[in-house]
Amino acid sequence: MNEELHNEALKMAEIAKEALDDKMGEDIKVLDLSGLSNIADFFVIGSGSNPNQVRAMADSANEKLFKAGYKLHHSEGYSGGAWILLDYGNLIIHIFDREQRSFYSLERIWGDAKEC
């Protein structure tokens, strides 16, 4: 693994975590998937209490990452607001409402990942 790319992805994850926290996100976690997956190096996972908060968290993350010079590759779920996925390549941000977070339980699925 390229250490420089890994460190860049970690920097992105820290920006995203701060952005979710700024919008009062709940139970925000950063999972290091390096060596476990070829999907991404990091997941940032957070919860909101309603669709408006989930969308605001996604907007905040996207805005802060854009201002830091990172481009969003793909997003899903924005209109529904129950689970929004923001794909930045080496970083994937998952923002859930509480019910969806509990149902999909990504932390359990990626239980071998180290939490940062």
PDB file of N, CA and C in Angstrom:
ATOM      1  N   MET A   1       0.832  -1.177   0.000  1.00  0.00           N
ATOM      2  CA  MET A   1       0.000   0.000   0.000  1.00  0.00           C
ATOM      3  C   MET A   1       0.881   1.247   0.000  1.00  0.00           C
ATOM      4  N   ASN A   2       0.465   2.218  -0.756  1.00  0.00           N
ATOM      5  CA  ASN A   2       1.184   3.473  -0.816  1.00  0.00           C
ATOM      6  C   ASN A   2       0.901   4.282   0.456  1.00  0.00           C
ATOM      7  N   GLU A   3       1.937   4.496   1.247  1.00  0.00           N
ATOM      8  CA  GLU A   3       1.765   5.184   2.532  1.00  0.00           C
ATOM      9  C   GLU A   3       1.280   6.614   2.350  1.00  0.00           C
ATOM     10  N   GLU A   4       1.739   7.271   1.302  1.00  0.00           N
ATOM     11  CA  GLU A   4       1.322   8.652   1.050  1.00  0.00           C
ATOM     12  C   GLU A   4      -0.182   8.732   0.777  1.00  0.00           C
ATOM     13  N   LEU A   5      -0.697   7.813  -0.040  1.00  0.00           N
ATOM     14  CA  LEU A   5      -2.136   7.787  -0.317  1.00  0.00           C
ATOM     15  C   LEU A   5      -2.936   7.439   0.935  1.00  0.00           C
ATOM     16  N   HIS A   6      -2.400   6.529   1.731  1.00  0.00           N
ATOM     17  CA  HIS A   6      -3.053   6.145   2.982  1.00  0.00           C
ATOM     18  C   HIS A   6      -3.149   7.350   3.925  1.00  0.00           C
ATOM     19  N   ASN A   7      -2.062   8.081   4.063  1.00  0.00           N
ATOM     20  CA  ASN A   7      -2.051   9.258   4.938  1.00  0.00           C
ATOM     21  C   ASN A   7      -2.995  10.341   4.427  1.00  0.00           C
ATOM     22  N   GLU A   8      -3.084  10.478   3.110  1.00  0.00           N
ATOM     23  CA  GLU A   8      -4.004  11.453   2.517  1.00  0.00           C
ATOM     24  C   GLU A   8      -5.454  11.055   2.813  1.00  0.00           C
ATOM     25  N   ALA A   9      -5.749   9.759   2.709  1.00  0.00           N
ATOM     26  CA  ALA A   9      -7.098   9.275   3.009  1.00  0.00           C
ATOM     27  C   ALA A   9      -7.427   9.482   4.487  1.00  0.00           C
ATOM     28  N   LEU A  10      -6.450   9.292   5.367  1.00  0.00           N
ATOM     29  CA  LEU A  10      -6.667   9.534   6.793  1.00  0.00           C
ATOM     30  C   LEU A  10      -6.963  11.011   7.044  1.00  0.00           C
ATOM     31  N   LYS A  11      -6.248  11.883   6.363  1.00  0.00           N
ATOM     32  CA  LYS A  11      -6.500  13.327   6.487  1.00  0.00           C
ATOM     33  C   LYS A  11      -7.928  13.654   6.045  1.00  0.00           C
ATOM     34  N   MET A  12      -8.369  13.054   4.952  1.00  0.00           N
ATOM     35  CA  MET A  12      -9.733  13.250   4.470  1.00  0.00           C
ATOM     36  C   MET A  12     -10.745  12.754   5.508  1.00  0.00           C
ATOM     37  N   ALA A  13     -10.464  11.600   6.102  1.00  0.00           N
ATOM     38  CA  ALA A  13     -11.361  11.026   7.107  1.00  0.00           C
ATOM     39  C   ALA A  13     -11.481  11.954   8.315  1.00  0.00           C
ATOM     40  N   GLU A  14     -10.381  12.561   8.711  1.00  0.00           N
ATOM     41  CA  GLU A  14     -10.405  13.489   9.851  1.00  0.00           C
ATOM     42  C   GLU A  14     -11.238  14.732   9.536  1.00  0.00           C
ATOM     43  N   ILE A  15     -11.122  15.231   8.304  1.00  0.00           N
ATOM     44  CA  ILE A  15     -11.939  16.375   7.879  1.00  0.00           C
ATOM     45  C   ILE A  15     -13.416  15.996   7.905  1.00  0.00           C
ATOM     46  N   ALA A  16     -13.725  14.810   7.381  1.00  0.00           N
ATOM     47  CA  ALA A  16     -15.117  14.353   7.343  1.00  0.00           C
ATOM     48  C   ALA A  16     -15.674  14.166   8.750  1.00  0.00           C
ATOM     49  N   LYS A  17     -14.884  13.577   9.640  1.00  0.00           N
ATOM     50  CA  LYS A  17     -15.335  13.367  11.017  1.00  0.00           C
ATOM     51  C   LYS A  17     -15.659  14.708  11.673  1.00  0.00           C
ATOM     52  N   GLU A  18     -14.797  15.685  11.486  1.00  0.00           N
ATOM     53  CA  GLU A  18     -15.025  17.020  12.044  1.00  0.00           C
ATOM     54  C   GLU A  18     -16.298  17.637  11.465  1.00  0.00           C
ATOM     55  N   ALA A  19     -16.525  17.441  10.162  1.00  0.00           N
ATOM     56  CA  ALA A  19     -17.711  18.005   9.512  1.00  0.00           C
ATOM     57  C   ALA A  19     -18.986  17.391  10.079  1.00  0.00           C
ATOM     58  N   LEU A  20     -18.978  16.087  10.321  1.00  0.00           N
ATOM     59  CA  LEU A  20     -20.157  15.429  10.891  1.00  0.00           C
ATOM     60  C   LEU A  20     -20.375  15.886  12.327  1.00  0.00           C
ATOM     61  N   ASP A  21     -19.301  16.035  13.048  1.00  0.00           N
ATOM     62  CA  ASP A  21     -19.378  16.509  14.428  1.00  0.00           C
ATOM     63  C   ASP A  21     -19.935  17.936  14.485  1.00  0.00           C
ATOM     64  N   ASP A  22     -19.551  18.770  13.526  1.00  0.00           N
ATOM     65  CA  ASP A  22     -20.047  20.152  13.466  1.00  0.00           C
ATOM     66  C   ASP A  22     -21.565  20.212  13.353  1.00  0.00           C
ATOM     67  N   LYS A  23     -22.163  19.188  12.762  1.00  0.00           N
ATOM     68  CA  LYS A  23     -23.622  19.136  12.586  1.00  0.00           C
ATOM     69  C   LYS A  23     -24.273  18.226  13.631  1.00  0.00           C
ATOM     70  N   MET A  24     -23.573  18.053  14.748  1.00  0.00           N
ATOM     71  CA  MET A  24     -24.094  17.287  15.881  1.00  0.00           C
ATOM     72  C   MET A  24     -24.352  15.819  15.546  1.00  0.00           C
ATOM     73  N   GLY A  25     -23.518  15.258  14.670  1.00  0.00           N
ATOM     74  CA  GLY A  25     -23.630  13.843  14.350  1.00  0.00           C
ATOM     75  C   GLY A  25     -23.390  12.998  15.587  1.00  0.00           C
ATOM     76  N   GLU A  26     -23.985  11.834  15.596  1.00  0.00           N
ATOM     77  CA  GLU A  26     -23.902  10.926  16.735  1.00  0.00           C
ATOM     78  C   GLU A  26     -23.016   9.728  16.404  1.00  0.00           C
ATOM     79  N   ASP A  27     -22.311   9.246  17.411  1.00  0.00           N
ATOM     80  CA  ASP A  27     -21.543   8.004  17.334  1.00  0.00           C
ATOM     81  C   ASP A  27     -20.676   7.940  16.064  1.00  0.00           C
ATOM     82  N   ILE A  28     -19.877   8.977  15.852  1.00  0.00           N
ATOM     83  CA  ILE A  28     -19.045   9.079  14.652  1.00  0.00           C
ATOM     84  C   ILE A  28     -17.802   8.203  14.833  1.00  0.00           C
ATOM     85  N   LYS A  29     -17.558   7.362  13.843  1.00  0.00           N
ATOM     86  CA  LYS A  29     -16.415   6.464  13.901  1.00  0.00           C
ATOM     87  C   LYS A  29     -15.635   6.523  12.599  1.00  0.00           C
ATOM     88  N   VAL A  30     -14.326   6.357  12.719  1.00  0.00           N
ATOM     89  CA  VAL A  30     -13.451   6.238  11.560  1.00  0.00           C
ATOM     90  C   VAL A  30     -12.853   4.837  11.617  1.00  0.00           C
ATOM     91  N   LEU A  31     -13.096   4.047  10.572  1.00  0.00           N
ATOM     92  CA  LEU A  31     -12.573   2.689  10.498  1.00  0.00           C
ATOM     93  C   LEU A  31     -11.474   2.619   9.453  1.00  0.00           C
ATOM     94  N   ASP A  32     -10.345   2.053   9.819  1.00  0.00           N
ATOM     95  CA  ASP A  32      -9.219   1.853   8.908  1.00  0.00           C
ATOM     96  C   ASP A  32      -9.384   0.480   8.269  1.00  0.00           C
ATOM     97  N   LEU A  33      -9.694   0.461   6.984  1.00  0.00           N
ATOM     98  CA  LEU A  33      -9.936  -0.779   6.252  1.00  0.00           C
ATOM     99  C   LEU A  33      -8.715  -1.247   5.474  1.00  0.00           C
ATOM    100  N   SER A  34      -7.598  -0.538   5.614  1.00  0.00           N
ATOM    101  CA  SER A  34      -6.422  -0.906   4.826  1.00  0.00           C
ATOM    102  C   SER A  34      -6.008  -2.339   5.170  1.00  0.00           C
ATOM    103  N   GLY A  35      -5.738  -3.092   4.130  1.00  0.00           N
ATOM    104  CA  GLY A  35      -5.378  -4.493   4.286  1.00  0.00           C
ATOM    105  C   GLY A  35      -6.577  -5.413   4.417  1.00  0.00           C
ATOM    106  N   LEU A  36      -7.764  -4.854   4.587  1.00  0.00           N
ATOM    107  CA  LEU A  36      -8.976  -5.656   4.734  1.00  0.00           C
ATOM    108  C   LEU A  36      -9.878  -5.596   3.513  1.00  0.00           C
ATOM    109  N   SER A  37      -9.759  -4.510   2.756  1.00  0.00           N
ATOM    110  CA  SER A  37     -10.676  -4.290   1.647  1.00  0.00           C
ATOM    111  C   SER A  37     -10.004  -3.513   0.532  1.00  0.00           C
ATOM    112  N   ASN A  38     -10.457  -3.760  -0.677  1.00  0.00           N
ATOM    113  CA  ASN A  38      -9.998  -2.938  -1.798  1.00  0.00           C
ATOM    114  C   ASN A  38     -11.047  -1.877  -2.152  1.00  0.00           C
ATOM    115  N   ILE A  39     -12.101  -1.771  -1.341  1.00  0.00           N
ATOM    116  CA  ILE A  39     -13.150  -0.771  -1.559  1.00  0.00           C
ATOM    117  C   ILE A  39     -12.616   0.619  -1.253  1.00  0.00           C
ATOM    118  N   ALA A  40     -12.001   0.756  -0.084  1.00  0.00           N
ATOM    119  CA  ALA A  40     -11.499   2.055   0.380  1.00  0.00           C
ATOM    120  C   ALA A  40     -10.520   1.798   1.513  1.00  0.00           C
ATOM    121  N   ASP A  41      -9.723   2.813   1.831  1.00  0.00           N
ATOM    122  CA  ASP A  41      -8.822   2.717   2.985  1.00  0.00           C
ATOM    123  C   ASP A  41      -9.546   3.031   4.289  1.00  0.00           C
ATOM    124  N   PHE A  42     -10.536   3.938   4.225  1.00  0.00           N
ATOM    125  CA  PHE A  42     -11.243   4.363   5.429  1.00  0.00           C
ATOM    126  C   PHE A  42     -12.731   4.492   5.182  1.00  0.00           C
ATOM    127  N   PHE A  43     -13.505   4.165   6.220  1.00  0.00           N
ATOM    128  CA  PHE A  43     -14.919   4.494   6.304  1.00  0.00           C
ATOM    129  C   PHE A  43     -15.055   5.512   7.426  1.00  0.00           C
ATOM    130  N   VAL A  44     -15.872   6.519   7.209  1.00  0.00           N
ATOM    131  CA  VAL A  44     -16.348   7.369   8.299  1.00  0.00           C
ATOM    132  C   VAL A  44     -17.836   7.072   8.397  1.00  0.00           C
ATOM    133  N   ILE A  45     -18.277   6.742   9.611  1.00  0.00           N
ATOM    134  CA  ILE A  45     -19.665   6.360   9.842  1.00  0.00           C
ATOM    135  C   ILE A  45     -20.237   7.272  10.922  1.00  0.00           C
ATOM    136  N   GLY A  46     -21.416   7.804  10.671  1.00  0.00           N
ATOM    137  CA  GLY A  46     -22.076   8.652  11.657  1.00  0.00           C
ATOM    138  C   GLY A  46     -23.579   8.548  11.523  1.00  0.00           C
ATOM    139  N   SER A  47     -24.278   9.010  12.557  1.00  0.00           N
ATOM    140  CA  SER A  47     -25.737   8.949  12.577  1.00  0.00           C
ATOM    141  C   SER A  47     -26.324  10.320  12.837  1.00  0.00           C
ATOM    142  N   GLY A  48     -27.520  10.499  12.294  1.00  0.00           N
ATOM    143  CA  GLY A  48     -28.319  11.676  12.574  1.00  0.00           C
ATOM    144  C   GLY A  48     -29.691  11.247  13.044  1.00  0.00           C
ATOM    145  N   SER A  49     -30.424  12.163  13.639  1.00  0.00           N
ATOM    146  CA  SER A  49     -31.709  11.797  14.228  1.00  0.00           C
ATOM    147  C   SER A  49     -32.884  11.889  13.258  1.00  0.00           C
ATOM    148  N   ASN A  50     -32.691  12.564  12.116  1.00  0.00           N
ATOM    149  CA  ASN A  50     -33.783  12.692  11.138  1.00  0.00           C
ATOM    150  C   ASN A  50     -33.173  12.980   9.765  1.00  0.00           C
ATOM    151  N   PRO A  51     -33.977  12.849   8.700  1.00  0.00           N
ATOM    152  CA  PRO A  51     -33.438  13.054   7.346  1.00  0.00           C
ATOM    153  C   PRO A  51     -32.797  14.426   7.127  1.00  0.00           C
ATOM    154  N   ASN A  52     -33.348  15.471   7.719  1.00  0.00           N
ATOM    155  CA  ASN A  52     -32.761  16.804   7.538  1.00  0.00           C
ATOM    156  C   ASN A  52     -31.362  16.876   8.144  1.00  0.00           C
ATOM    157  N   GLN A  53     -31.189  16.293   9.323  1.00  0.00           N
ATOM    158  CA  GLN A  53     -29.865  16.299   9.946  1.00  0.00           C
ATOM    159  C   GLN A  53     -28.893  15.438   9.145  1.00  0.00           C
ATOM    160  N   VAL A  54     -29.343  14.289   8.670  1.00  0.00           N
ATOM    161  CA  VAL A  54     -28.494  13.411   7.862  1.00  0.00           C
ATOM    162  C   VAL A  54     -28.019  14.155   6.614  1.00  0.00           C
ATOM    163  N   ARG A  55     -28.925  14.859   5.952  1.00  0.00           N
ATOM    164  CA  ARG A  55     -28.558  15.638   4.759  1.00  0.00           C
ATOM    165  C   ARG A  55     -27.597  16.773   5.122  1.00  0.00           C
ATOM    166  N   ALA A  56     -27.857  17.452   6.238  1.00  0.00           N
ATOM    167  CA  ALA A  56     -26.973  18.546   6.670  1.00  0.00           C
ATOM    168  C   ALA A  56     -25.571  18.016   6.959  1.00  0.00           C
ATOM    169  N   MET A  57     -25.478  16.835   7.540  1.00  0.00           N
ATOM    170  CA  MET A  57     -24.172  16.222   7.803  1.00  0.00           C
ATOM    171  C   MET A  57     -23.449  15.927   6.486  1.00  0.00           C
ATOM    172  N   ALA A  58     -24.190  15.392   5.510  1.00  0.00           N
ATOM    173  CA  ALA A  58     -23.600  15.097   4.201  1.00  0.00           C
ATOM    174  C   ALA A  58     -23.138  16.384   3.521  1.00  0.00           C
ATOM    175  N   ASP A  59     -23.965  17.420   3.582  1.00  0.00           N
ATOM    176  CA  ASP A  59     -23.598  18.702   2.978  1.00  0.00           C
ATOM    177  C   ASP A  59     -22.334  19.265   3.621  1.00  0.00           C
ATOM    178  N   SER A  60     -22.257  19.172   4.944  1.00  0.00           N
ATOM    179  CA  SER A  60     -21.099  19.693   5.673  1.00  0.00           C
ATOM    180  C   SER A  60     -19.825  18.950   5.276  1.00  0.00           C
ATOM    181  N   ALA A  61     -19.910  17.622   5.227  1.00  0.00           N
ATOM    182  CA  ALA A  61     -18.741  16.825   4.846  1.00  0.00           C
ATOM    183  C   ALA A  61     -18.309  17.160   3.426  1.00  0.00           C
ATOM    184  N   ASN A  62     -19.270  17.223   2.523  1.00  0.00           N
ATOM    185  CA  ASN A  62     -18.948  17.510   1.127  1.00  0.00           C
ATOM    186  C   ASN A  62     -18.326  18.897   0.978  1.00  0.00           C
ATOM    187  N   GLU A  63     -18.876  19.875   1.678  1.00  0.00           N
ATOM    188  CA  GLU A  63     -18.364  21.239   1.596  1.00  0.00           C
ATOM    189  C   GLU A  63     -16.930  21.338   2.135  1.00  0.00           C
ATOM    190  N   LYS A  64     -16.692  20.762   3.306  1.00  0.00           N
ATOM    191  CA  LYS A  64     -15.359  20.847   3.911  1.00  0.00           C
ATOM    192  C   LYS A  64     -14.316  20.093   3.079  1.00  0.00           C
ATOM    193  N   LEU A  65     -14.699  18.937   2.547  1.00  0.00           N
ATOM    194  CA  LEU A  65     -13.746  18.183   1.721  1.00  0.00           C
ATOM    195  C   LEU A  65     -13.486  18.916   0.398  1.00  0.00           C
ATOM    196  N   PHE A  66     -14.516  19.510  -0.177  1.00  0.00           N
ATOM    197  CA  PHE A  66     -14.336  20.286  -1.408  1.00  0.00           C
ATOM    198  C   PHE A  66     -13.392  21.464  -1.168  1.00  0.00           C
ATOM    199  N   LYS A  67     -13.608  22.180  -0.059  1.00  0.00           N
ATOM    200  CA  LYS A  67     -12.747  23.320   0.266  1.00  0.00           C
ATOM    201  C   LYS A  67     -11.302  22.889   0.504  1.00  0.00           C
ATOM    202  N   ALA A  68     -11.115  21.636   0.943  1.00  0.00           N
ATOM    203  CA  ALA A  68      -9.764  21.106   1.168  1.00  0.00           C
ATOM    204  C   ALA A  68      -9.156  20.547  -0.124  1.00  0.00           C
ATOM    205  N   GLY A  69      -9.919  20.601  -1.223  1.00  0.00           N
ATOM    206  CA  GLY A  69      -9.387  20.188  -2.514  1.00  0.00           C
ATOM    207  C   GLY A  69      -9.726  18.773  -2.946  1.00  0.00           C
ATOM    208  N   TYR A  70     -10.694  18.143  -2.295  1.00  0.00           N
ATOM    209  CA  TYR A  70     -11.066  16.762  -2.634  1.00  0.00           C
ATOM    210  C   TYR A  70     -12.383  16.742  -3.395  1.00  0.00           C
ATOM    211  N   LYS A  71     -12.437  15.858  -4.393  1.00  0.00           N
ATOM    212  CA  LYS A  71     -13.620  15.778  -5.243  1.00  0.00           C
ATOM    213  C   LYS A  71     -14.436  14.544  -4.902  1.00  0.00           C
ATOM    214  N   LEU A  72     -15.742  14.747  -4.817  1.00  0.00           N
ATOM    215  CA  LEU A  72     -16.681  13.655  -4.617  1.00  0.00           C
ATOM    216  C   LEU A  72     -16.767  12.849  -5.907  1.00  0.00           C
ATOM    217  N   HIS A  73     -16.576  11.530  -5.803  1.00  0.00           N
ATOM    218  CA  HIS A  73     -16.669  10.660  -6.973  1.00  0.00           C
ATOM    219  C   HIS A  73     -18.119  10.262  -7.237  1.00  0.00           C
ATOM    220  N   HIS A  74     -18.843   9.965  -6.152  1.00  0.00           N
ATOM    221  CA  HIS A  74     -20.193   9.423  -6.299  1.00  0.00           C
ATOM    222  C   HIS A  74     -20.940   9.583  -4.974  1.00  0.00           C
ATOM    223  N   SER A  75     -22.246   9.775  -5.065  1.00  0.00           N
ATOM    224  CA  SER A  75     -23.057   9.789  -3.848  1.00  0.00           C
ATOM    225  C   SER A  75     -24.357   9.050  -4.105  1.00  0.00           C
ATOM    226  N   GLU A  76     -24.936   8.552  -3.029  1.00  0.00           N
ATOM    227  CA  GLU A  76     -26.216   7.852  -3.105  1.00  0.00           C
ATOM    228  C   GLU A  76     -27.034   8.166  -1.869  1.00  0.00           C
ATOM    229  N   GLY A  77     -28.347   8.150  -2.017  1.00  0.00           N
ATOM    230  CA  GLY A  77     -29.254   8.216  -0.885  1.00  0.00           C
ATOM    231  C   GLY A  77     -29.628   9.592  -0.392  1.00  0.00           C
ATOM    232  N   TYR A  78     -29.167  10.638  -1.056  1.00  0.00           N
ATOM    233  CA  TYR A  78     -29.407  11.986  -0.549  1.00  0.00           C
ATOM    234  C   TYR A  78     -30.902  12.309  -0.476  1.00  0.00           C
ATOM    235  N   SER A  79     -31.655  11.958  -1.484  1.00  0.00           N
ATOM    236  CA  SER A  79     -33.077  12.328  -1.505  1.00  0.00           C
ATOM    237  C   SER A  79     -33.858  11.636  -0.394  1.00  0.00           C
ATOM    238  N   GLY A  80     -33.496  10.395  -0.077  1.00  0.00           N
ATOM    239  CA  GLY A  80     -34.207   9.674   0.980  1.00  0.00           C
ATOM    240  C   GLY A  80     -33.807  10.112   2.375  1.00  0.00           C
ATOM    241  N   GLY A  81     -32.530  10.364   2.561  1.00  0.00           N
ATOM    242  CA  GLY A  81     -32.038  10.852   3.843  1.00  0.00           C
ATOM    243  C   GLY A  81     -31.953   9.822   4.952  1.00  0.00           C
ATOM    244  N   ALA A  82     -32.116   8.531   4.632  1.00  0.00           N
ATOM    245  CA  ALA A  82     -31.994   7.488   5.661  1.00  0.00           C
ATOM    246  C   ALA A  82     -30.569   6.941   5.718  1.00  0.00           C
ATOM    247  N   TRP A  83     -29.912   6.878   4.563  1.00  0.00           N
ATOM    248  CA  TRP A  83     -28.522   6.433   4.476  1.00  0.00           C
ATOM    249  C   TRP A  83     -27.910   7.145   3.278  1.00  0.00           C
ATOM    250  N   ILE A  84     -26.985   8.021   3.551  1.00  0.00           N
ATOM    251  CA  ILE A  84     -26.289   8.734   2.479  1.00  0.00           C
ATOM    252  C   ILE A  84     -24.867   8.206   2.420  1.00  0.00           C
ATOM    253  N   LEU A  85     -24.445   7.859   1.228  1.00  0.00           N
ATOM    254  CA  LEU A  85     -23.084   7.384   0.993  1.00  0.00           C
ATOM    255  C   LEU A  85     -22.366   8.418   0.141  1.00  0.00           C
ATOM    256  N   LEU A  86     -21.198   8.842   0.604  1.00  0.00           N
ATOM    257  CA  LEU A  86     -20.354   9.769  -0.149  1.00  0.00           C
ATOM    258  C   LEU A  86     -19.047   9.060  -0.440  1.00  0.00           C
ATOM    259  N   ASP A  87     -18.746   8.875  -1.709  1.00  0.00           N
ATOM    260  CA  ASP A  87     -17.563   8.115  -2.126  1.00  0.00           C
ATOM    261  C   ASP A  87     -16.492   9.072  -2.632  1.00  0.00           C
ATOM    262  N   TYR A  88     -15.378   9.099  -1.922  1.00  0.00           N
ATOM    263  CA  TYR A  88     -14.233   9.919  -2.303  1.00  0.00           C
ATOM    264  C   TYR A  88     -13.050   9.059  -2.734  1.00  0.00           C
ATOM    265  N   GLY A  89     -13.308   7.850  -3.168  1.00  0.00           N
ATOM    266  CA  GLY A  89     -12.232   6.958  -3.583  1.00  0.00           C
ATOM    267  C   GLY A  89     -11.684   6.192  -2.394  1.00  0.00           C
ATOM    268  N   ASN A  90     -10.598   6.662  -1.809  1.00  0.00           N
ATOM    269  CA  ASN A  90      -9.994   5.978  -0.661  1.00  0.00           C
ATOM    270  C   ASN A  90     -10.759   6.205   0.637  1.00  0.00           C
ATOM    271  N   LEU A  91     -11.762   7.059   0.587  1.00  0.00           N
ATOM    272  CA  LEU A  91     -12.610   7.336   1.745  1.00  0.00           C
ATOM    273  C   LEU A  91     -14.067   7.205   1.333  1.00  0.00           C
ATOM    274  N   ILE A  92     -14.829   6.462   2.137  1.00  0.00           N
ATOM    275  CA  ILE A  92     -16.278   6.393   1.938  1.00  0.00           C
ATOM    276  C   ILE A  92     -16.931   6.824   3.236  1.00  0.00           C
ATOM    277  N   ILE A  93     -17.861   7.761   3.118  1.00  0.00           N
ATOM    278  CA  ILE A  93     -18.582   8.288   4.263  1.00  0.00           C
ATOM    279  C   ILE A  93     -19.995   7.710   4.235  1.00  0.00           C
ATOM    280  N   HIS A  94     -20.402   7.124   5.361  1.00  0.00           N
ATOM    281  CA  HIS A  94     -21.742   6.569   5.516  1.00  0.00           C
ATOM    282  C   HIS A  94     -22.443   7.380   6.603  1.00  0.00           C
ATOM    283  N   ILE A  95     -23.563   8.009   6.243  1.00  0.00           N
ATOM    284  CA  ILE A  95     -24.333   8.775   7.213  1.00  0.00           C
ATOM    285  C   ILE A  95     -25.735   8.176   7.252  1.00  0.00           C
ATOM    286  N   PHE A  96     -26.104   7.691   8.422  1.00  0.00           N
ATOM    287  CA  PHE A  96     -27.351   6.969   8.597  1.00  0.00           C
ATOM    288  C   PHE A  96     -28.304   7.701   9.531  1.00  0.00           C
ATOM    289  N   ASP A  97     -29.609   7.373   9.399  1.00  0.00           N
ATOM    290  CA  ASP A  97     -30.490   7.655  10.520  1.00  0.00           C
ATOM    291  C   ASP A  97     -30.277   6.501  11.508  1.00  0.00           C
ATOM    292  N   ARG A  98     -30.773   6.652  12.704  1.00  0.00           N
ATOM    293  CA  ARG A  98     -30.486   5.664  13.757  1.00  0.00           C
ATOM    294  C   ARG A  98     -30.956   4.265  13.384  1.00  0.00           C
ATOM    295  N   GLU A  99     -32.147   4.169  12.802  1.00  0.00           N
ATOM    296  CA  GLU A  99     -32.716   2.857  12.466  1.00  0.00           C
ATOM    297  C   GLU A  99     -31.869   2.132  11.425  1.00  0.00           C
ATOM    298  N   GLN A 100     -31.487   2.839  10.369  1.00  0.00           N
ATOM    299  CA  GLN A 100     -30.680   2.218   9.316  1.00  0.00           C
ATOM    300  C   GLN A 100     -29.295   1.832   9.835  1.00  0.00           C
ATOM    301  N   ARG A 101     -28.729   2.675  10.676  1.00  0.00           N
ATOM    302  CA  ARG A 101     -27.399   2.380  11.239  1.00  0.00           C
ATOM    303  C   ARG A 101     -27.434   1.076  12.025  1.00  0.00           C
ATOM    304  N   SER A 102     -28.450   0.926  12.830  1.00  0.00           N
ATOM    305  CA  SER A 102     -28.583  -0.282  13.630  1.00  0.00           C
ATOM    306  C   SER A 102     -28.817  -1.501  12.733  1.00  0.00           C
ATOM    307  N   PHE A 103     -29.656  -1.344  11.711  1.00  0.00           N
ATOM    308  CA  PHE A 103     -29.984  -2.461  10.823  1.00  0.00           C
ATOM    309  C   PHE A 103     -28.758  -2.939  10.043  1.00  0.00           C
ATOM    310  N   TYR A 104     -27.999  -2.012   9.455  1.00  0.00           N
ATOM    311  CA  TYR A 104     -26.870  -2.399   8.605  1.00  0.00           C
ATOM    312  C   TYR A 104     -25.600  -2.697   9.393  1.00  0.00           C
ATOM    313  N   SER A 105     -25.441  -2.111  10.537  1.00  0.00           N
ATOM    314  CA  SER A 105     -24.360  -2.426  11.471  1.00  0.00           C
ATOM    315  C   SER A 105     -23.001  -2.624  10.792  1.00  0.00           C
ATOM    316  N   LEU A 106     -22.552  -1.586  10.080  1.00  0.00           N
ATOM    317  CA  LEU A 106     -21.274  -1.691   9.362  1.00  0.00           C
ATOM    318  C   LEU A 106     -20.097  -1.955  10.296  1.00  0.00           C
ATOM    319  N   GLU A 107     -20.157  -1.446  11.509  1.00  0.00           N
ATOM    320  CA  GLU A 107     -19.060  -1.685  12.454  1.00  0.00           C
ATOM    321  C   GLU A 107     -18.930  -3.171  12.768  1.00  0.00           C
ATOM    322  N   ARG A 108     -20.048  -3.881  12.817  1.00  0.00           N
ATOM    323  CA  ARG A 108     -20.003  -5.324  13.067  1.00  0.00           C
ATOM    324  C   ARG A 108     -19.478  -6.053  11.828  1.00  0.00           C
ATOM    325  N   ILE A 109     -19.967  -5.654  10.663  1.00  0.00           N
ATOM    326  CA  ILE A 109     -19.535  -6.297   9.415  1.00  0.00           C
ATOM    327  C   ILE A 109     -18.027  -6.124   9.217  1.00  0.00           C
ATOM    328  N   TRP A 110     -17.524  -4.939   9.519  1.00  0.00           N
ATOM    329  CA  TRP A 110     -16.098  -4.629   9.379  1.00  0.00           C
ATOM    330  C   TRP A 110     -15.412  -4.690  10.746  1.00  0.00           C
ATOM    331  N   GLY A 111     -15.776  -5.671  11.527  1.00  0.00           N
ATOM    332  CA  GLY A 111     -15.275  -5.811  12.893  1.00  0.00           C
ATOM    333  C   GLY A 111     -13.769  -5.953  13.005  1.00  0.00           C
ATOM    334  N   ASP A 112     -13.099  -6.386  11.936  1.00  0.00           N
ATOM    335  CA  ASP A 112     -11.634  -6.512  11.956  1.00  0.00           C
ATOM    336  C   ASP A 112     -10.932  -5.192  11.720  1.00  0.00           C
ATOM    337  N   ALA A 113     -11.690  -4.188  11.319  1.00  0.00           N
ATOM    338  CA  ALA A 113     -11.082  -2.878  11.038  1.00  0.00           C
ATOM    339  C   ALA A 113     -10.684  -2.197  12.332  1.00  0.00           C
ATOM    340  N   LYS A 114      -9.567  -1.491  12.271  1.00  0.00           N
ATOM    341  CA  LYS A 114      -9.095  -0.725  13.426  1.00  0.00           C
ATOM    342  C   LYS A 114      -9.829   0.609  13.450  1.00  0.00           C
ATOM    343  N   GLU A 115     -10.308   0.992  14.637  1.00  0.00           N
ATOM    344  CA  GLU A 115     -10.947   2.293  14.777  1.00  0.00           C
ATOM    345  C   GLU A 115      -9.886   3.347  15.055  1.00  0.00           C
ATOM    346  N   CYS A 116      -9.961   4.446  14.314  1.00  0.00           N
ATOM    347  CA  CYS A 116      -8.990   5.533  14.475  1.00  0.00           C
ATOM    348  C   CYS A 116      -9.512   6.593  15.423  1.00  0.00           C
TER     349      CYS A 116
END
